[in-house]
Amino acid sequence: MKLKKYLNEKDIEPLFTIDNVNKIVKQIKDGVKAPLVMVDKSTLGGNKNISIMILISLDEKKDWVNGILENSRYIRLHLTAKDHILEHFSGSFGVKGLRKSRPKTIDAVIKKLNTYIKGVK
């Protein structure tokens, strides 16, 4: 990854750890203002590579065609603890994605997502 070329991993404090990830998941879920917000941790790469997966729908469930999430305006995001990357990796057609970013705090993540949601509606 090109970003690692310019950054020394020892200089970056993790955004969250396995010990406090459940608190961070709740903080994001409570802080993001959208009709549907699902947040969960992922330890697919082991506890050292913990990340948070975020799913946001911009529409109420009653407005989803045939009650299917993928028929709503939605985005899926991935937030890594180790290198602070917030990345939009999937979403519905017509909803422009968030650019890959490196928020420095969880509050910055929440602010960025809420700003994005207000801009789309």
C-alpha atoms as a PDB file:
ATOM      1  CA  MET A   1       0.000   0.000   0.000  1.00  0.00           C
ATOM      2  CA  LYS A   2       1.416   3.393  -0.993  1.00  0.00           C
ATOM      3  CA  LEU A   3       0.390   5.093   2.264  1.00  0.00           C
ATOM      4  CA  LYS A   4       2.681   2.822   4.289  1.00  0.00           C
ATOM      5  CA  LYS A   5       5.606   4.034   2.199  1.00  0.00           C
ATOM      6  CA  TYR A   6       5.239   7.475   3.779  1.00  0.00           C
ATOM      7  CA  LEU A   7       4.155   6.427   7.255  1.00  0.00           C
ATOM      8  CA  ASN A   8       5.956   4.512   9.937  1.00  0.00           C
ATOM      9  CA  GLU A   9       3.400   2.230  11.624  1.00  0.00           C
ATOM     10  CA  LYS A  10       5.067   2.804  14.996  1.00  0.00           C
ATOM     11  CA  ASP A  11       4.163   6.502  14.752  1.00  0.00           C
ATOM     12  CA  ILE A  12       0.429   5.815  14.366  1.00  0.00           C
ATOM     13  CA  GLU A  13      -1.624   5.058  17.457  1.00  0.00           C
ATOM     14  CA  PRO A  14      -4.433   2.577  16.605  1.00  0.00           C
ATOM     15  CA  LEU A  15      -7.875   4.157  16.284  1.00  0.00           C
ATOM     16  CA  PHE A  16      -9.294   1.357  18.470  1.00  0.00           C
ATOM     17  CA  THR A  17      -8.198  -1.978  19.912  1.00  0.00           C
ATOM     18  CA  ILE A  18      -9.765  -5.362  20.598  1.00  0.00           C
ATOM     19  CA  ASP A  19     -10.289  -4.184  24.186  1.00  0.00           C
ATOM     20  CA  ASN A  20     -12.391  -1.112  23.342  1.00  0.00           C
ATOM     21  CA  VAL A  21     -13.878  -1.990  19.935  1.00  0.00           C
ATOM     22  CA  ASN A  22     -17.334  -2.812  21.346  1.00  0.00           C
ATOM     23  CA  LYS A  23     -17.526   0.665  22.903  1.00  0.00           C
ATOM     24  CA  ILE A  24     -16.434   2.240  19.596  1.00  0.00           C
ATOM     25  CA  VAL A  25     -19.003   0.196  17.634  1.00  0.00           C
ATOM     26  CA  LYS A  26     -21.755   1.509  19.927  1.00  0.00           C
ATOM     27  CA  GLN A  27     -20.424   5.073  19.668  1.00  0.00           C
ATOM     28  CA  ILE A  28     -20.563   4.969  15.855  1.00  0.00           C
ATOM     29  CA  LYS A  29     -23.991   3.317  15.806  1.00  0.00           C
ATOM     30  CA  ASP A  30     -25.412   5.918  18.202  1.00  0.00           C
ATOM     31  CA  GLY A  31     -23.665   8.861  16.518  1.00  0.00           C
ATOM     32  CA  VAL A  32     -24.536   8.301  12.863  1.00  0.00           C
ATOM     33  CA  LYS A  33     -27.966   9.705  11.999  1.00  0.00           C
ATOM     34  CA  ALA A  34     -29.588   7.612   9.269  1.00  0.00           C
ATOM     35  CA  PRO A  35     -32.704   5.411   9.009  1.00  0.00           C
ATOM     36  CA  LEU A  36     -30.575   2.244   9.220  1.00  0.00           C
ATOM     37  CA  VAL A  37     -27.107   2.030  10.724  1.00  0.00           C
ATOM     38  CA  MET A  38     -25.505  -1.356  11.310  1.00  0.00           C
ATOM     39  CA  VAL A  39     -22.008  -1.467  12.801  1.00  0.00           C
ATOM     40  CA  ASP A  40     -19.965  -4.505  13.814  1.00  0.00           C
ATOM     41  CA  LYS A  41     -16.365  -5.499  14.396  1.00  0.00           C
ATOM     42  CA  SER A  42     -14.359  -7.795  12.152  1.00  0.00           C
ATOM     43  CA  THR A  43     -11.400  -9.850  13.327  1.00  0.00           C
ATOM     44  CA  LEU A  44     -10.881 -11.637  10.027  1.00  0.00           C
ATOM     45  CA  GLY A  45      -7.173 -10.771  10.076  1.00  0.00           C
ATOM     46  CA  GLY A  46      -6.836 -11.627  13.764  1.00  0.00           C
ATOM     47  CA  ASN A  47      -7.068  -9.365  16.800  1.00  0.00           C
ATOM     48  CA  LYS A  48      -4.059  -7.340  15.598  1.00  0.00           C
ATOM     49  CA  ASN A  49      -5.880  -6.409  12.380  1.00  0.00           C
ATOM     50  CA  ILE A  50      -9.276  -5.575  13.851  1.00  0.00           C
ATOM     51  CA  SER A  51     -11.592  -3.397  11.804  1.00  0.00           C
ATOM     52  CA  ILE A  52     -15.155  -2.090  11.886  1.00  0.00           C
ATOM     53  CA  MET A  53     -17.720  -2.722   9.164  1.00  0.00           C
ATOM     54  CA  ILE A  54     -20.465  -0.117   8.684  1.00  0.00           C
ATOM     55  CA  LEU A  55     -23.708  -0.406   6.700  1.00  0.00           C
ATOM     56  CA  ILE A  56     -25.912   2.663   6.242  1.00  0.00           C
ATOM     57  CA  SER A  57     -29.236   2.886   4.416  1.00  0.00           C
ATOM     58  CA  LEU A  58     -30.485   6.351   3.567  1.00  0.00           C
ATOM     59  CA  ASP A  59     -34.082   5.124   3.204  1.00  0.00           C
ATOM     60  CA  GLU A  60     -36.638   3.839   5.712  1.00  0.00           C
ATOM     61  CA  LYS A  61     -37.248   0.093   5.518  1.00  0.00           C
ATOM     62  CA  LYS A  62     -40.850   0.677   4.427  1.00  0.00           C
ATOM     63  CA  ASP A  63     -39.503   2.439   1.302  1.00  0.00           C
ATOM     64  CA  TRP A  64     -37.228  -0.420   0.211  1.00  0.00           C
ATOM     65  CA  VAL A  65     -38.530  -2.032  -2.992  1.00  0.00           C
ATOM     66  CA  ASN A  66     -39.750  -5.533  -2.068  1.00  0.00           C
ATOM     67  CA  GLY A  67     -38.286  -4.997   1.445  1.00  0.00           C
ATOM     68  CA  ILE A  68     -34.755  -5.647   0.143  1.00  0.00           C
ATOM     69  CA  LEU A  69     -31.903  -3.580   1.572  1.00  0.00           C
ATOM     70  CA  GLU A  70     -29.978  -3.613  -1.699  1.00  0.00           C
ATOM     71  CA  ASN A  71     -32.964  -1.883  -3.349  1.00  0.00           C
ATOM     72  CA  SER A  72     -32.478   1.124  -1.063  1.00  0.00           C
ATOM     73  CA  ARG A  73     -29.854   3.848  -1.208  1.00  0.00           C
ATOM     74  CA  TYR A  74     -27.120   2.248   0.890  1.00  0.00           C
ATOM     75  CA  ILE A  75     -23.379   2.268   1.445  1.00  0.00           C
ATOM     76  CA  ARG A  76     -20.991  -0.205   3.054  1.00  0.00           C
ATOM     77  CA  LEU A  77     -17.771   1.014   4.661  1.00  0.00           C
ATOM     78  CA  HIS A  78     -14.686  -0.473   6.233  1.00  0.00           C
ATOM     79  CA  LEU A  79     -12.706   1.284   9.011  1.00  0.00           C
ATOM     80  CA  THR A  80      -9.295  -0.082   9.953  1.00  0.00           C
ATOM     81  CA  ALA A  81      -7.798   0.469  13.394  1.00  0.00           C
ATOM     82  CA  LYS A  82      -4.146   0.146  12.510  1.00  0.00           C
ATOM     83  CA  ASP A  83      -3.864   2.645   9.649  1.00  0.00           C
ATOM     84  CA  HIS A  84      -7.084   4.690  10.175  1.00  0.00           C
ATOM     85  CA  ILE A  85      -8.496   4.122   6.688  1.00  0.00           C
ATOM     86  CA  LEU A  86     -12.231   4.652   6.158  1.00  0.00           C
ATOM     87  CA  GLU A  87     -13.135   3.173   2.803  1.00  0.00           C
ATOM     88  CA  HIS A  88     -16.437   2.925   0.951  1.00  0.00           C
ATOM     89  CA  PHE A  89     -16.368  -0.454  -0.791  1.00  0.00           C
ATOM     90  CA  SER A  90     -19.963  -1.070  -1.871  1.00  0.00           C
ATOM     91  CA  GLY A  91     -23.219   0.770  -2.389  1.00  0.00           C
ATOM     92  CA  SER A  92     -26.307   1.226  -4.459  1.00  0.00           C
ATOM     93  CA  PHE A  93     -26.308   2.640  -7.952  1.00  0.00           C
ATOM     94  CA  GLY A  94     -26.637   6.396  -7.997  1.00  0.00           C
ATOM     95  CA  VAL A  95     -25.234   6.994  -4.514  1.00  0.00           C
ATOM     96  CA  LYS A  96     -21.809   8.501  -5.003  1.00  0.00           C
ATOM     97  CA  GLY A  97     -19.268   7.015  -2.696  1.00  0.00           C
ATOM     98  CA  LEU A  98     -17.210   8.550  -0.011  1.00  0.00           C
ATOM     99  CA  ARG A  99     -13.608   8.967  -0.953  1.00  0.00           C
ATOM    100  CA  LYS A 100     -11.069   6.932   0.953  1.00  0.00           C
ATOM    101  CA  SER A 101     -10.001   8.979   3.955  1.00  0.00           C
ATOM    102  CA  ARG A 102      -7.889   8.799   7.104  1.00  0.00           C
ATOM    103  CA  PRO A 103      -9.896  10.231  10.019  1.00  0.00           C
ATOM    104  CA  LYS A 104      -7.803  10.816  13.113  1.00  0.00           C
ATOM    105  CA  THR A 105     -10.565  10.145  15.669  1.00  0.00           C
ATOM    106  CA  ILE A 106     -13.846   8.276  15.968  1.00  0.00           C
ATOM    107  CA  ASP A 107     -15.623  11.627  16.324  1.00  0.00           C
ATOM    108  CA  ALA A 108     -14.145  12.611  12.946  1.00  0.00           C
ATOM    109  CA  VAL A 109     -15.533   9.375  11.444  1.00  0.00           C
ATOM    110  CA  ILE A 110     -19.006  10.123  12.792  1.00  0.00           C
ATOM    111  CA  LYS A 111     -18.863  13.748  11.614  1.00  0.00           C
ATOM    112  CA  LYS A 112     -17.738  12.690   8.122  1.00  0.00           C
ATOM    113  CA  LEU A 113     -20.554  10.137   7.810  1.00  0.00           C
ATOM    114  CA  ASN A 114     -23.223  12.548   9.075  1.00  0.00           C
ATOM    115  CA  THR A 115     -21.981  15.263   6.697  1.00  0.00           C
ATOM    116  CA  TYR A 116     -22.126  12.782   3.813  1.00  0.00           C
ATOM    117  CA  ILE A 117     -25.664  11.673   4.755  1.00  0.00           C
ATOM    118  CA  LYS A 118     -26.926  15.286   4.928  1.00  0.00           C
ATOM    119  CA  GLY A 119     -25.388  15.968   1.524  1.00  0.00           C
ATOM    120  CA  VAL A 120     -27.084  13.007  -0.165  1.00  0.00           C
ATOM    121  CA  LYS A 121     -30.617  13.566   1.136  1.00  0.00           C
END
